[in-house]
Amino acid sequence: MLARIVALSAILALAWGVLAASASADGDPASDVLATQSLFLPQDASIPPRQEEELSALLQTAARSGYQIRVALVASSTDLGSVTELWDQPQNYARFLGVELSLVYRGPLLVVMPDGFGLYGLGSSTGAAQSALESVRARAARDGLGVLALTAVQRMAAASGHVLPTPTVTAQSTTGSGDSTAWIVFAAGGALIVLAWAASLRARPPRFGDRAARVGSQ
């Protein structure tokens, strides 16, 4: 009886996992991420790591200054999950995403697509935010989604009275340190070889005189 209960529990758990995975795969990826985070950044957005760090730092600075905002970068229709029909419709997708998040988040929401922006949850400041973004829309094809998102967040925050400085991210170069490490390892290996050779000579010093005497007697 106990074995049957265990087997049934395992089957139910497996079925639940499959259903959950299917729901997640067929749903809206951005709503899953933005339910707990401030940035949705799909891999196909091709955002450089430094730019990604700057955007994350900017959103953290905005939150600390009292300006809560969540941002979804959508680089292709596949990033929309089961709502691909909203591709090239950033404003309609922003409304859809805002409703999806309404149970956990009701603040400002920004959607960035290659063809423009979508805004939701700004209330009376929507008009000011739209005006602030007018000069940014024309730069979509030239600057890429990362730069657009950075500029848009700063402009929207400024329209709400929050001036956010451009975040400074220190680039860390690993090439020099890697080369130095390689040379240190090489030098240490060479030193060990020399020490081993010297120890061997001390233990068994060469007897050149005896060898010469043996050769002369032959």
N, C-alpha and C. Protein backbone atom coordinates (compact mmCIF):
# COMPACT_ATOMS: atom_id res chain seq x y z
N MET A 1 0.83 -1.21 0.00
CA MET A 1 0.00 0.00 0.00
C MET A 1 0.86 1.26 0.00
N LEU A 2 1.87 1.26 0.86
CA LEU A 2 2.77 2.39 0.95
C LEU A 2 3.50 2.62 -0.37
N ALA A 3 3.90 1.51 -1.02
CA ALA A 3 4.60 1.62 -2.30
C ALA A 3 3.70 2.26 -3.35
N ARG A 4 2.41 1.91 -3.34
CA ARG A 4 1.48 2.49 -4.31
C ARG A 4 1.31 3.99 -4.09
N ILE A 5 1.25 4.39 -2.81
CA ILE A 5 1.11 5.81 -2.49
C ILE A 5 2.33 6.60 -2.96
N VAL A 6 3.53 6.03 -2.71
CA VAL A 6 4.77 6.69 -3.14
C VAL A 6 4.80 6.81 -4.66
N ALA A 7 4.41 5.71 -5.36
CA ALA A 7 4.43 5.73 -6.82
C ALA A 7 3.44 6.75 -7.36
N LEU A 8 2.24 6.82 -6.76
CA LEU A 8 1.24 7.78 -7.19
C LEU A 8 1.70 9.21 -6.96
N SER A 9 2.35 9.46 -5.82
CA SER A 9 2.87 10.80 -5.52
C SER A 9 3.93 11.21 -6.54
N ALA A 10 4.79 10.26 -6.90
CA ALA A 10 5.84 10.55 -7.89
C ALA A 10 5.22 10.89 -9.24
N ILE A 11 4.18 10.13 -9.64
CA ILE A 11 3.52 10.39 -10.93
C ILE A 11 2.87 11.76 -10.94
N LEU A 12 2.19 12.11 -9.83
CA LEU A 12 1.54 13.42 -9.74
C LEU A 12 2.56 14.55 -9.78
N ALA A 13 3.69 14.36 -9.07
CA ALA A 13 4.74 15.38 -9.07
C ALA A 13 5.31 15.58 -10.46
N LEU A 14 5.53 14.48 -11.18
CA LEU A 14 6.06 14.56 -12.53
C LEU A 14 5.08 15.26 -13.45
N ALA A 15 3.80 14.92 -13.34
CA ALA A 15 2.79 15.56 -14.18
C ALA A 15 2.70 17.05 -13.90
N TRP A 16 2.77 17.41 -12.61
CA TRP A 16 2.73 18.82 -12.25
C TRP A 16 3.93 19.58 -12.81
N GLY A 17 5.12 18.95 -12.76
CA GLY A 17 6.31 19.58 -13.31
C GLY A 17 6.21 19.81 -14.80
N VAL A 18 5.65 18.82 -15.52
CA VAL A 18 5.49 18.95 -16.96
C VAL A 18 4.52 20.07 -17.29
N LEU A 19 3.40 20.14 -16.55
CA LEU A 19 2.42 21.18 -16.79
C LEU A 19 2.99 22.56 -16.50
N ALA A 20 3.74 22.66 -15.42
CA ALA A 20 4.33 23.95 -15.06
C ALA A 20 5.34 24.39 -16.10
N ALA A 21 6.15 23.43 -16.57
CA ALA A 21 7.15 23.77 -17.59
C ALA A 21 6.47 24.21 -18.88
N SER A 22 5.39 23.54 -19.24
CA SER A 22 4.67 23.90 -20.45
C SER A 22 4.06 25.29 -20.33
N ALA A 23 3.47 25.55 -19.16
CA ALA A 23 2.87 26.87 -18.96
C ALA A 23 3.89 27.98 -19.03
N SER A 24 5.07 27.71 -18.43
CA SER A 24 6.14 28.72 -18.46
C SER A 24 6.66 28.93 -19.87
N ALA A 25 6.80 27.83 -20.63
CA ALA A 25 7.34 27.95 -21.98
C ALA A 25 6.36 28.63 -22.90
N ASP A 26 5.04 28.42 -22.71
CA ASP A 26 4.03 28.97 -23.61
C ASP A 26 3.56 30.35 -23.17
N GLY A 27 3.92 30.80 -21.98
CA GLY A 27 3.43 32.06 -21.46
C GLY A 27 4.28 33.24 -21.91
N ASP A 28 4.24 34.27 -21.09
CA ASP A 28 4.97 35.51 -21.39
C ASP A 28 6.23 35.57 -20.53
N PRO A 29 7.41 35.37 -21.10
CA PRO A 29 8.65 35.31 -20.29
C PRO A 29 8.89 36.57 -19.49
N ALA A 30 8.60 37.74 -20.07
CA ALA A 30 8.89 38.99 -19.36
C ALA A 30 8.08 39.12 -18.08
N SER A 31 6.83 38.67 -18.09
CA SER A 31 6.00 38.77 -16.88
C SER A 31 6.54 37.88 -15.78
N ASP A 32 7.11 36.72 -16.14
CA ASP A 32 7.70 35.84 -15.14
C ASP A 32 8.91 36.49 -14.48
N VAL A 33 9.75 37.15 -15.29
CA VAL A 33 10.97 37.76 -14.77
C VAL A 33 10.66 39.04 -13.98
N LEU A 34 9.82 39.90 -14.56
CA LEU A 34 9.55 41.20 -13.94
C LEU A 34 8.67 41.10 -12.70
N ALA A 35 8.13 39.93 -12.43
CA ALA A 35 7.37 39.75 -11.19
C ALA A 35 8.27 39.90 -9.98
N THR A 36 9.57 39.62 -10.14
CA THR A 36 10.49 39.69 -9.00
C THR A 36 11.73 40.54 -9.28
N GLN A 37 11.94 40.94 -10.54
CA GLN A 37 13.13 41.71 -10.89
C GLN A 37 12.72 42.98 -11.63
N SER A 38 13.67 43.90 -11.79
CA SER A 38 13.36 45.18 -12.44
C SER A 38 13.72 45.20 -13.91
N LEU A 39 14.41 44.15 -14.41
CA LEU A 39 14.87 44.17 -15.80
C LEU A 39 14.66 42.81 -16.46
N PHE A 40 14.03 42.84 -17.63
CA PHE A 40 13.93 41.65 -18.47
C PHE A 40 14.84 41.88 -19.67
N LEU A 41 15.86 41.04 -19.79
CA LEU A 41 16.87 41.21 -20.83
C LEU A 41 17.12 39.86 -21.49
N PRO A 42 16.49 39.58 -22.63
CA PRO A 42 16.68 38.29 -23.29
C PRO A 42 18.06 38.19 -23.93
N GLN A 43 18.52 36.97 -24.14
CA GLN A 43 19.85 36.75 -24.68
C GLN A 43 19.99 37.29 -26.10
N ASP A 44 18.93 37.23 -26.89
CA ASP A 44 19.05 37.67 -28.28
C ASP A 44 19.07 39.18 -28.43
N ALA A 45 19.01 39.92 -27.31
CA ALA A 45 19.11 41.37 -27.38
C ALA A 45 20.53 41.82 -27.72
N SER A 46 21.51 40.92 -27.51
CA SER A 46 22.92 41.19 -27.84
C SER A 46 23.43 42.47 -27.18
N ILE A 47 23.12 42.62 -25.90
CA ILE A 47 23.59 43.77 -25.15
C ILE A 47 24.98 43.48 -24.60
N PRO A 48 25.98 44.34 -24.84
CA PRO A 48 27.31 44.11 -24.29
C PRO A 48 27.26 44.01 -22.76
N PRO A 49 28.12 43.18 -22.16
CA PRO A 49 28.11 43.02 -20.70
C PRO A 49 28.23 44.34 -19.94
N ARG A 50 29.09 45.22 -20.42
CA ARG A 50 29.27 46.51 -19.73
C ARG A 50 27.98 47.32 -19.75
N GLN A 51 27.29 47.30 -20.89
CA GLN A 51 26.03 48.04 -21.02
C GLN A 51 24.94 47.43 -20.13
N GLU A 52 24.95 46.12 -20.03
CA GLU A 52 24.00 45.44 -19.15
C GLU A 52 24.22 45.84 -17.70
N GLU A 53 25.49 45.93 -17.29
CA GLU A 53 25.81 46.35 -15.92
C GLU A 53 25.38 47.79 -15.69
N GLU A 54 25.57 48.64 -16.70
CA GLU A 54 25.17 50.05 -16.56
C GLU A 54 23.65 50.17 -16.39
N LEU A 55 22.91 49.38 -17.17
CA LEU A 55 21.45 49.44 -17.08
C LEU A 55 20.97 48.93 -15.73
N SER A 56 21.55 47.84 -15.24
CA SER A 56 21.19 47.32 -13.92
C SER A 56 21.52 48.33 -12.83
N ALA A 57 22.69 48.97 -12.94
CA ALA A 57 23.09 49.96 -11.95
C ALA A 57 22.16 51.17 -11.98
N LEU A 58 21.73 51.57 -13.17
CA LEU A 58 20.84 52.71 -13.29
C LEU A 58 19.48 52.42 -12.63
N LEU A 59 18.96 51.23 -12.84
CA LEU A 59 17.68 50.86 -12.23
C LEU A 59 17.79 50.79 -10.71
N GLN A 60 18.93 50.33 -10.21
CA GLN A 60 19.14 50.31 -8.76
C GLN A 60 19.20 51.72 -8.20
N THR A 61 19.90 52.61 -8.93
CA THR A 61 19.99 54.02 -8.50
C THR A 61 18.61 54.66 -8.52
N ALA A 62 17.82 54.35 -9.55
CA ALA A 62 16.47 54.90 -9.64
C ALA A 62 15.62 54.46 -8.45
N ALA A 63 15.72 53.18 -8.09
CA ALA A 63 14.94 52.67 -6.96
C ALA A 63 15.35 53.34 -5.66
N ARG A 64 16.66 53.54 -5.48
CA ARG A 64 17.13 54.18 -4.25
C ARG A 64 16.68 55.64 -4.17
N SER A 65 16.53 56.28 -5.32
CA SER A 65 16.12 57.69 -5.33
C SER A 65 14.60 57.84 -5.21
N GLY A 66 13.89 56.72 -5.18
CA GLY A 66 12.45 56.78 -5.03
C GLY A 66 11.67 56.65 -6.32
N TYR A 67 12.36 56.32 -7.41
CA TYR A 67 11.68 56.18 -8.71
C TYR A 67 11.71 54.70 -9.10
N GLN A 68 10.64 54.00 -8.81
CA GLN A 68 10.55 52.58 -9.15
C GLN A 68 10.11 52.43 -10.61
N ILE A 69 10.81 51.63 -11.36
CA ILE A 69 10.44 51.36 -12.74
C ILE A 69 10.96 49.98 -13.13
N ARG A 70 10.19 49.29 -13.95
CA ARG A 70 10.61 48.00 -14.48
C ARG A 70 10.67 48.08 -15.99
N VAL A 71 11.67 47.41 -16.55
CA VAL A 71 11.99 47.58 -17.97
C VAL A 71 12.05 46.22 -18.66
N ALA A 72 11.42 46.12 -19.81
CA ALA A 72 11.47 44.91 -20.63
C ALA A 72 12.05 45.24 -21.99
N LEU A 73 13.19 44.64 -22.31
CA LEU A 73 13.77 44.77 -23.64
C LEU A 73 13.30 43.59 -24.48
N VAL A 74 12.72 43.86 -25.63
CA VAL A 74 12.18 42.81 -26.49
C VAL A 74 12.86 42.95 -27.85
N ALA A 75 13.76 42.01 -28.14
CA ALA A 75 14.56 42.10 -29.36
C ALA A 75 13.94 41.38 -30.55
N SER A 76 13.09 40.40 -30.30
CA SER A 76 12.47 39.64 -31.39
C SER A 76 11.13 39.10 -30.93
N SER A 77 10.34 38.58 -31.86
CA SER A 77 9.02 38.06 -31.52
C SER A 77 9.10 36.86 -30.59
N THR A 78 10.20 36.11 -30.65
CA THR A 78 10.33 34.93 -29.78
C THR A 78 10.42 35.32 -28.31
N ASP A 79 10.81 36.56 -28.01
CA ASP A 79 10.88 37.02 -26.62
C ASP A 79 9.50 37.23 -26.01
N LEU A 80 8.46 37.16 -26.83
CA LEU A 80 7.10 37.41 -26.35
C LEU A 80 6.38 36.13 -25.94
N GLY A 81 7.02 34.99 -26.08
CA GLY A 81 6.39 33.74 -25.68
C GLY A 81 5.17 33.44 -26.53
N SER A 82 4.02 33.32 -25.88
CA SER A 82 2.80 32.94 -26.58
C SER A 82 2.04 34.12 -27.16
N VAL A 83 2.55 35.34 -26.99
CA VAL A 83 1.84 36.52 -27.51
C VAL A 83 2.65 37.19 -28.62
N THR A 84 3.15 36.38 -29.54
CA THR A 84 3.97 36.91 -30.63
C THR A 84 3.21 37.88 -31.52
N GLU A 85 1.87 37.86 -31.48
CA GLU A 85 1.09 38.77 -32.32
C GLU A 85 1.26 40.23 -31.88
N LEU A 86 1.85 40.44 -30.69
CA LEU A 86 2.08 41.79 -30.21
C LEU A 86 3.47 42.32 -30.60
N TRP A 87 4.18 41.57 -31.42
CA TRP A 87 5.48 42.05 -31.93
C TRP A 87 5.26 43.30 -32.78
N ASP A 88 6.18 44.24 -32.68
CA ASP A 88 6.09 45.53 -33.36
C ASP A 88 4.94 46.38 -32.83
N GLN A 89 4.44 46.05 -31.64
CA GLN A 89 3.38 46.85 -31.00
C GLN A 89 3.78 47.13 -29.55
N PRO A 90 4.80 47.93 -29.35
CA PRO A 90 5.33 48.12 -27.99
C PRO A 90 4.29 48.66 -27.00
N GLN A 91 3.41 49.56 -27.45
CA GLN A 91 2.43 50.11 -26.53
C GLN A 91 1.38 49.08 -26.14
N ASN A 92 0.91 48.31 -27.10
CA ASN A 92 -0.07 47.26 -26.79
C ASN A 92 0.54 46.19 -25.89
N TYR A 93 1.82 45.86 -26.16
CA TYR A 93 2.46 44.85 -25.32
C TYR A 93 2.69 45.40 -23.91
N ALA A 94 2.98 46.69 -23.79
CA ALA A 94 3.17 47.29 -22.47
C ALA A 94 1.87 47.19 -21.66
N ARG A 95 0.74 47.42 -22.32
CA ARG A 95 -0.54 47.28 -21.61
C ARG A 95 -0.76 45.83 -21.18
N PHE A 96 -0.50 44.90 -22.10
CA PHE A 96 -0.66 43.49 -21.78
C PHE A 96 0.23 43.09 -20.62
N LEU A 97 1.49 43.49 -20.68
CA LEU A 97 2.46 43.13 -19.63
C LEU A 97 2.09 43.78 -18.31
N GLY A 98 1.62 45.03 -18.36
CA GLY A 98 1.22 45.70 -17.13
C GLY A 98 0.07 45.00 -16.42
N VAL A 99 -0.88 44.52 -17.21
CA VAL A 99 -2.00 43.77 -16.62
C VAL A 99 -1.51 42.45 -16.04
N GLU A 100 -0.59 41.79 -16.75
CA GLU A 100 -0.03 40.53 -16.25
C GLU A 100 0.67 40.72 -14.90
N LEU A 101 1.30 41.86 -14.73
CA LEU A 101 2.07 42.12 -13.50
C LEU A 101 1.26 42.79 -12.41
N SER A 102 0.02 43.14 -12.69
CA SER A 102 -0.76 43.98 -11.78
C SER A 102 -0.95 43.38 -10.39
N LEU A 103 -0.86 42.06 -10.27
CA LEU A 103 -1.04 41.44 -8.96
C LEU A 103 0.18 41.64 -8.06
N VAL A 104 1.35 41.89 -8.67
CA VAL A 104 2.57 42.02 -7.87
C VAL A 104 3.26 43.38 -8.05
N TYR A 105 2.90 44.11 -9.12
CA TYR A 105 3.58 45.38 -9.38
C TYR A 105 2.64 46.31 -10.14
N ARG A 106 2.57 47.57 -9.68
CA ARG A 106 1.68 48.54 -10.31
C ARG A 106 2.38 49.85 -10.63
N GLY A 107 3.69 49.85 -10.59
CA GLY A 107 4.44 51.07 -10.88
C GLY A 107 4.70 51.26 -12.36
N PRO A 108 5.55 52.24 -12.70
CA PRO A 108 5.88 52.52 -14.09
C PRO A 108 6.52 51.31 -14.78
N LEU A 109 6.14 51.12 -16.03
CA LEU A 109 6.66 50.01 -16.83
C LEU A 109 7.07 50.54 -18.19
N LEU A 110 8.26 50.16 -18.62
CA LEU A 110 8.79 50.58 -19.92
C LEU A 110 9.11 49.36 -20.76
N VAL A 111 8.58 49.33 -21.98
CA VAL A 111 8.90 48.28 -22.95
C VAL A 111 9.73 48.91 -24.06
N VAL A 112 10.85 48.28 -24.38
CA VAL A 112 11.73 48.78 -25.43
C VAL A 112 11.79 47.75 -26.55
N MET A 113 11.30 48.13 -27.72
CA MET A 113 11.38 47.30 -28.92
C MET A 113 12.18 48.05 -29.98
N PRO A 114 12.66 47.37 -31.01
CA PRO A 114 13.43 48.07 -32.05
C PRO A 114 12.68 49.22 -32.71
N ASP A 115 11.33 49.14 -32.71
CA ASP A 115 10.57 50.19 -33.38
C ASP A 115 9.98 51.21 -32.41
N GLY A 116 10.37 51.18 -31.14
CA GLY A 116 9.89 52.21 -30.24
C GLY A 116 9.65 51.74 -28.83
N PHE A 117 8.90 52.55 -28.07
CA PHE A 117 8.67 52.32 -26.65
C PHE A 117 7.20 52.08 -26.36
N GLY A 118 6.96 51.38 -25.26
CA GLY A 118 5.63 51.23 -24.72
C GLY A 118 5.65 51.60 -23.26
N LEU A 119 4.63 52.35 -22.81
CA LEU A 119 4.58 52.83 -21.43
C LEU A 119 3.29 52.36 -20.76
N TYR A 120 3.41 52.07 -19.48
CA TYR A 120 2.22 51.65 -18.73
C TYR A 120 2.43 51.98 -17.26
N GLY A 121 1.33 52.31 -16.58
CA GLY A 121 1.37 52.52 -15.15
C GLY A 121 1.97 53.83 -14.70
N LEU A 122 2.00 54.85 -15.57
CA LEU A 122 2.59 56.13 -15.20
C LEU A 122 1.56 57.11 -14.66
N GLY A 123 0.28 56.80 -14.83
CA GLY A 123 -0.76 57.68 -14.33
C GLY A 123 -0.73 59.04 -14.99
N SER A 124 -0.79 60.10 -14.19
CA SER A 124 -0.87 61.46 -14.72
C SER A 124 0.43 61.91 -15.39
N SER A 125 1.54 61.19 -15.13
CA SER A 125 2.83 61.59 -15.71
C SER A 125 3.10 60.94 -17.06
N THR A 126 2.10 60.24 -17.63
CA THR A 126 2.30 59.57 -18.91
C THR A 126 2.65 60.56 -20.01
N GLY A 127 1.93 61.67 -20.07
CA GLY A 127 2.18 62.66 -21.11
C GLY A 127 3.57 63.23 -21.03
N ALA A 128 4.04 63.52 -19.82
CA ALA A 128 5.40 64.07 -19.65
C ALA A 128 6.44 63.06 -20.07
N ALA A 129 6.22 61.77 -19.74
CA ALA A 129 7.17 60.73 -20.12
C ALA A 129 7.21 60.54 -21.63
N GLN A 130 6.05 60.57 -22.27
CA GLN A 130 6.00 60.43 -23.73
C GLN A 130 6.72 61.58 -24.41
N SER A 131 6.53 62.78 -23.90
CA SER A 131 7.22 63.94 -24.47
C SER A 131 8.73 63.81 -24.29
N ALA A 132 9.15 63.29 -23.14
CA ALA A 132 10.59 63.13 -22.87
C ALA A 132 11.22 62.11 -23.80
N LEU A 133 10.42 61.15 -24.28
CA LEU A 133 10.96 60.09 -25.13
C LEU A 133 10.86 60.39 -26.62
N GLU A 134 10.21 61.48 -26.99
CA GLU A 134 10.02 61.78 -28.41
C GLU A 134 11.34 61.87 -29.16
N SER A 135 12.34 62.51 -28.56
CA SER A 135 13.62 62.68 -29.24
C SER A 135 14.45 61.41 -29.25
N VAL A 136 14.05 60.42 -28.45
CA VAL A 136 14.82 59.18 -28.37
C VAL A 136 14.33 58.16 -29.38
N ARG A 137 13.06 58.23 -29.76
CA ARG A 137 12.46 57.21 -30.63
C ARG A 137 13.20 57.08 -31.95
N ALA A 138 13.63 58.19 -32.54
CA ALA A 138 14.26 58.16 -33.86
C ALA A 138 15.63 57.51 -33.84
N ARG A 139 16.19 57.26 -32.65
CA ARG A 139 17.54 56.71 -32.55
C ARG A 139 17.54 55.20 -32.38
N ALA A 140 16.38 54.55 -32.50
CA ALA A 140 16.28 53.12 -32.21
C ALA A 140 17.21 52.29 -33.07
N ALA A 141 17.15 52.47 -34.39
CA ALA A 141 17.94 51.64 -35.30
C ALA A 141 19.43 51.91 -35.16
N ARG A 142 19.79 53.15 -34.80
CA ARG A 142 21.20 53.52 -34.76
C ARG A 142 21.89 53.09 -33.47
N ASP A 143 21.25 53.27 -32.35
CA ASP A 143 21.92 53.09 -31.06
C ASP A 143 21.75 51.71 -30.43
N GLY A 144 20.72 50.96 -30.81
CA GLY A 144 20.51 49.65 -30.20
C GLY A 144 19.68 49.74 -28.94
N LEU A 145 19.16 48.59 -28.51
CA LEU A 145 18.21 48.57 -27.40
C LEU A 145 18.81 48.99 -26.07
N GLY A 146 20.08 48.64 -25.84
CA GLY A 146 20.71 48.97 -24.57
C GLY A 146 20.80 50.46 -24.33
N VAL A 147 21.31 51.18 -25.32
CA VAL A 147 21.44 52.64 -25.21
C VAL A 147 20.07 53.29 -25.12
N LEU A 148 19.11 52.78 -25.90
CA LEU A 148 17.76 53.31 -25.85
C LEU A 148 17.16 53.18 -24.45
N ALA A 149 17.33 52.01 -23.84
CA ALA A 149 16.77 51.78 -22.51
C ALA A 149 17.42 52.70 -21.48
N LEU A 150 18.74 52.85 -21.54
CA LEU A 150 19.44 53.73 -20.61
C LEU A 150 18.94 55.16 -20.73
N THR A 151 18.87 55.65 -21.97
CA THR A 151 18.43 57.03 -22.19
C THR A 151 16.98 57.22 -21.79
N ALA A 152 16.14 56.24 -22.13
CA ALA A 152 14.71 56.36 -21.82
C ALA A 152 14.46 56.42 -20.32
N VAL A 153 15.13 55.56 -19.57
CA VAL A 153 14.93 55.56 -18.11
C VAL A 153 15.36 56.89 -17.51
N GLN A 154 16.48 57.43 -17.98
CA GLN A 154 16.94 58.72 -17.46
C GLN A 154 15.97 59.84 -17.80
N ARG A 155 15.46 59.83 -19.04
CA ARG A 155 14.52 60.88 -19.45
C ARG A 155 13.21 60.78 -18.67
N MET A 156 12.70 59.56 -18.51
CA MET A 156 11.44 59.38 -17.79
C MET A 156 11.59 59.77 -16.32
N ALA A 157 12.71 59.39 -15.71
CA ALA A 157 12.95 59.75 -14.32
C ALA A 157 13.05 61.26 -14.16
N ALA A 158 13.74 61.92 -15.10
CA ALA A 158 13.87 63.38 -15.03
C ALA A 158 12.51 64.06 -15.16
N ALA A 159 11.63 63.51 -16.01
CA ALA A 159 10.29 64.07 -16.17
C ALA A 159 9.48 63.95 -14.89
N SER A 160 9.86 63.01 -14.02
CA SER A 160 9.17 62.84 -12.73
C SER A 160 9.92 63.51 -11.59
N GLY A 161 10.96 64.28 -11.92
CA GLY A 161 11.70 65.00 -10.89
C GLY A 161 12.85 64.25 -10.26
N HIS A 162 13.28 63.17 -10.90
CA HIS A 162 14.41 62.38 -10.37
C HIS A 162 15.54 62.40 -11.40
N VAL A 163 16.57 63.16 -11.12
CA VAL A 163 17.71 63.25 -12.03
C VAL A 163 18.67 62.12 -11.70
N LEU A 164 18.87 61.22 -12.66
CA LEU A 164 19.73 60.06 -12.44
C LEU A 164 21.03 60.23 -13.21
N PRO A 165 22.17 60.21 -12.54
CA PRO A 165 23.45 60.32 -13.25
C PRO A 165 23.72 59.07 -14.06
N THR A 166 24.48 59.24 -15.11
CA THR A 166 24.88 58.08 -15.92
C THR A 166 25.78 57.18 -15.08
N PRO A 167 25.42 55.91 -14.92
CA PRO A 167 26.22 55.02 -14.05
C PRO A 167 27.61 54.80 -14.62
N THR A 168 28.57 54.71 -13.71
CA THR A 168 29.95 54.44 -14.10
C THR A 168 30.30 53.02 -13.71
N VAL A 169 30.63 52.22 -14.71
CA VAL A 169 31.02 50.83 -14.47
C VAL A 169 32.48 50.69 -14.84
N THR A 170 33.29 50.25 -13.90
CA THR A 170 34.73 50.09 -14.13
C THR A 170 34.98 48.83 -14.92
N ALA A 171 35.60 48.98 -16.08
CA ALA A 171 35.94 47.81 -16.90
C ALA A 171 37.14 47.11 -16.30
N GLN A 172 37.03 45.83 -16.14
CA GLN A 172 38.11 45.03 -15.58
C GLN A 172 38.76 44.21 -16.68
N SER A 173 40.03 44.49 -16.93
CA SER A 173 40.74 43.75 -17.97
C SER A 173 41.44 42.55 -17.36
N THR A 174 41.22 41.39 -17.95
CA THR A 174 41.83 40.16 -17.42
C THR A 174 43.02 39.70 -18.22
N THR A 175 43.27 40.39 -19.37
CA THR A 175 44.36 39.94 -20.24
C THR A 175 45.70 40.09 -19.57
N GLY A 176 45.95 41.29 -18.99
CA GLY A 176 47.24 41.53 -18.36
C GLY A 176 47.48 40.61 -17.19
N SER A 177 46.48 40.42 -16.35
CA SER A 177 46.65 39.55 -15.20
C SER A 177 46.88 38.12 -15.62
N GLY A 178 46.22 37.71 -16.71
CA GLY A 178 46.40 36.34 -17.19
C GLY A 178 47.82 36.12 -17.69
N ASP A 179 48.36 37.12 -18.43
CA ASP A 179 49.73 37.01 -18.93
C ASP A 179 50.72 36.98 -17.77
N SER A 180 50.49 37.83 -16.77
CA SER A 180 51.40 37.86 -15.62
C SER A 180 51.39 36.53 -14.89
N THR A 181 50.21 35.97 -14.73
CA THR A 181 50.11 34.67 -14.06
C THR A 181 50.87 33.60 -14.81
N ALA A 182 50.74 33.61 -16.14
CA ALA A 182 51.44 32.61 -16.95
C ALA A 182 52.95 32.73 -16.79
N TRP A 183 53.46 33.98 -16.78
CA TRP A 183 54.90 34.16 -16.62
C TRP A 183 55.36 33.73 -15.23
N ILE A 184 54.56 34.01 -14.22
CA ILE A 184 54.93 33.60 -12.85
C ILE A 184 55.01 32.09 -12.75
N VAL A 185 54.00 31.40 -13.32
CA VAL A 185 54.00 29.94 -13.30
C VAL A 185 55.22 29.39 -14.04
N PHE A 186 55.52 29.99 -15.21
CA PHE A 186 56.67 29.54 -16.00
C PHE A 186 57.97 29.73 -15.22
N ALA A 187 58.14 30.91 -14.58
CA ALA A 187 59.36 31.19 -13.83
C ALA A 187 59.49 30.25 -12.63
N ALA A 188 58.37 29.99 -11.95
CA ALA A 188 58.41 29.10 -10.80
C ALA A 188 58.81 27.69 -11.22
N GLY A 189 58.26 27.24 -12.36
CA GLY A 189 58.62 25.91 -12.86
C GLY A 189 60.10 25.81 -13.20
N GLY A 190 60.62 26.87 -13.82
CA GLY A 190 62.04 26.89 -14.15
C GLY A 190 62.92 26.87 -12.91
N ALA A 191 62.50 27.63 -11.89
CA ALA A 191 63.27 27.66 -10.65
C ALA A 191 63.28 26.29 -9.98
N LEU A 192 62.16 25.59 -10.00
CA LEU A 192 62.12 24.26 -9.42
C LEU A 192 63.04 23.29 -10.14
N ILE A 193 63.10 23.42 -11.46
CA ILE A 193 64.00 22.54 -12.23
C ILE A 193 65.45 22.80 -11.86
N VAL A 194 65.81 24.09 -11.74
CA VAL A 194 67.19 24.44 -11.40
C VAL A 194 67.54 23.93 -10.00
N LEU A 195 66.61 24.10 -9.03
CA LEU A 195 66.86 23.63 -7.67
C LEU A 195 67.01 22.11 -7.64
N ALA A 196 66.19 21.41 -8.39
CA ALA A 196 66.29 19.95 -8.42
C ALA A 196 67.62 19.52 -9.02
N TRP A 197 68.05 20.19 -10.07
CA TRP A 197 69.34 19.86 -10.70
C TRP A 197 70.49 20.12 -9.74
N ALA A 198 70.44 21.26 -8.99
CA ALA A 198 71.51 21.58 -8.04
C ALA A 198 71.54 20.55 -6.92
N ALA A 199 70.38 20.13 -6.42
CA ALA A 199 70.34 19.13 -5.36
C ALA A 199 70.91 17.81 -5.84
N SER A 200 70.65 17.47 -7.09
CA SER A 200 71.18 16.23 -7.64
C SER A 200 72.69 16.28 -7.74
N LEU A 201 73.21 17.46 -8.09
CA LEU A 201 74.66 17.59 -8.18
C LEU A 201 75.32 17.47 -6.81
N ARG A 202 74.65 18.01 -5.78
CA ARG A 202 75.22 17.89 -4.44
C ARG A 202 75.22 16.45 -3.97
N ALA A 203 74.18 15.74 -4.27
CA ALA A 203 74.08 14.35 -3.81
C ALA A 203 75.08 13.45 -4.53
N ARG A 204 75.26 13.68 -5.83
CA ARG A 204 76.18 12.84 -6.62
C ARG A 204 77.03 13.73 -7.50
N PRO A 205 78.07 14.35 -6.91
CA PRO A 205 78.91 15.25 -7.70
C PRO A 205 79.64 14.47 -8.79
N PRO A 206 79.86 15.07 -9.93
CA PRO A 206 80.55 14.39 -11.04
C PRO A 206 82.01 14.13 -10.70
N ARG A 207 82.54 12.98 -11.08
CA ARG A 207 83.94 12.60 -10.80
C ARG A 207 84.72 12.57 -12.10
N PHE A 208 85.03 13.78 -12.56
CA PHE A 208 85.72 13.89 -13.85
C PHE A 208 87.13 13.31 -13.78
N GLY A 209 87.82 13.44 -12.60
CA GLY A 209 89.19 12.93 -12.49
C GLY A 209 89.25 11.43 -12.61
N ASP A 210 88.36 10.69 -11.90
CA ASP A 210 88.34 9.24 -11.96
C ASP A 210 88.03 8.75 -13.35
N ARG A 211 87.13 9.44 -14.03
CA ARG A 211 86.75 8.99 -15.38
C ARG A 211 87.92 9.17 -16.32
N ALA A 212 88.69 10.31 -16.17
CA ALA A 212 89.85 10.55 -17.05
C ALA A 212 90.92 9.48 -16.81
N ALA A 213 91.10 9.09 -15.51
CA ALA A 213 92.13 8.08 -15.20
C ALA A 213 91.75 6.75 -15.82
N ARG A 214 90.45 6.39 -15.80
CA ARG A 214 90.02 5.11 -16.38
C ARG A 214 90.22 5.12 -17.89
N VAL A 215 89.96 6.27 -18.49
CA VAL A 215 90.14 6.33 -19.96
C VAL A 215 91.61 6.23 -20.33
N GLY A 216 92.53 6.85 -19.48
CA GLY A 216 93.94 6.81 -19.79
C GLY A 216 94.54 5.42 -19.61
N SER A 217 94.00 4.63 -18.70
CA SER A 217 94.56 3.30 -18.44
C SER A 217 94.15 2.29 -19.49
N GLN A 218 93.15 2.62 -20.32
CA GLN A 218 92.69 1.64 -21.32
C GLN A 218 93.62 1.63 -22.52
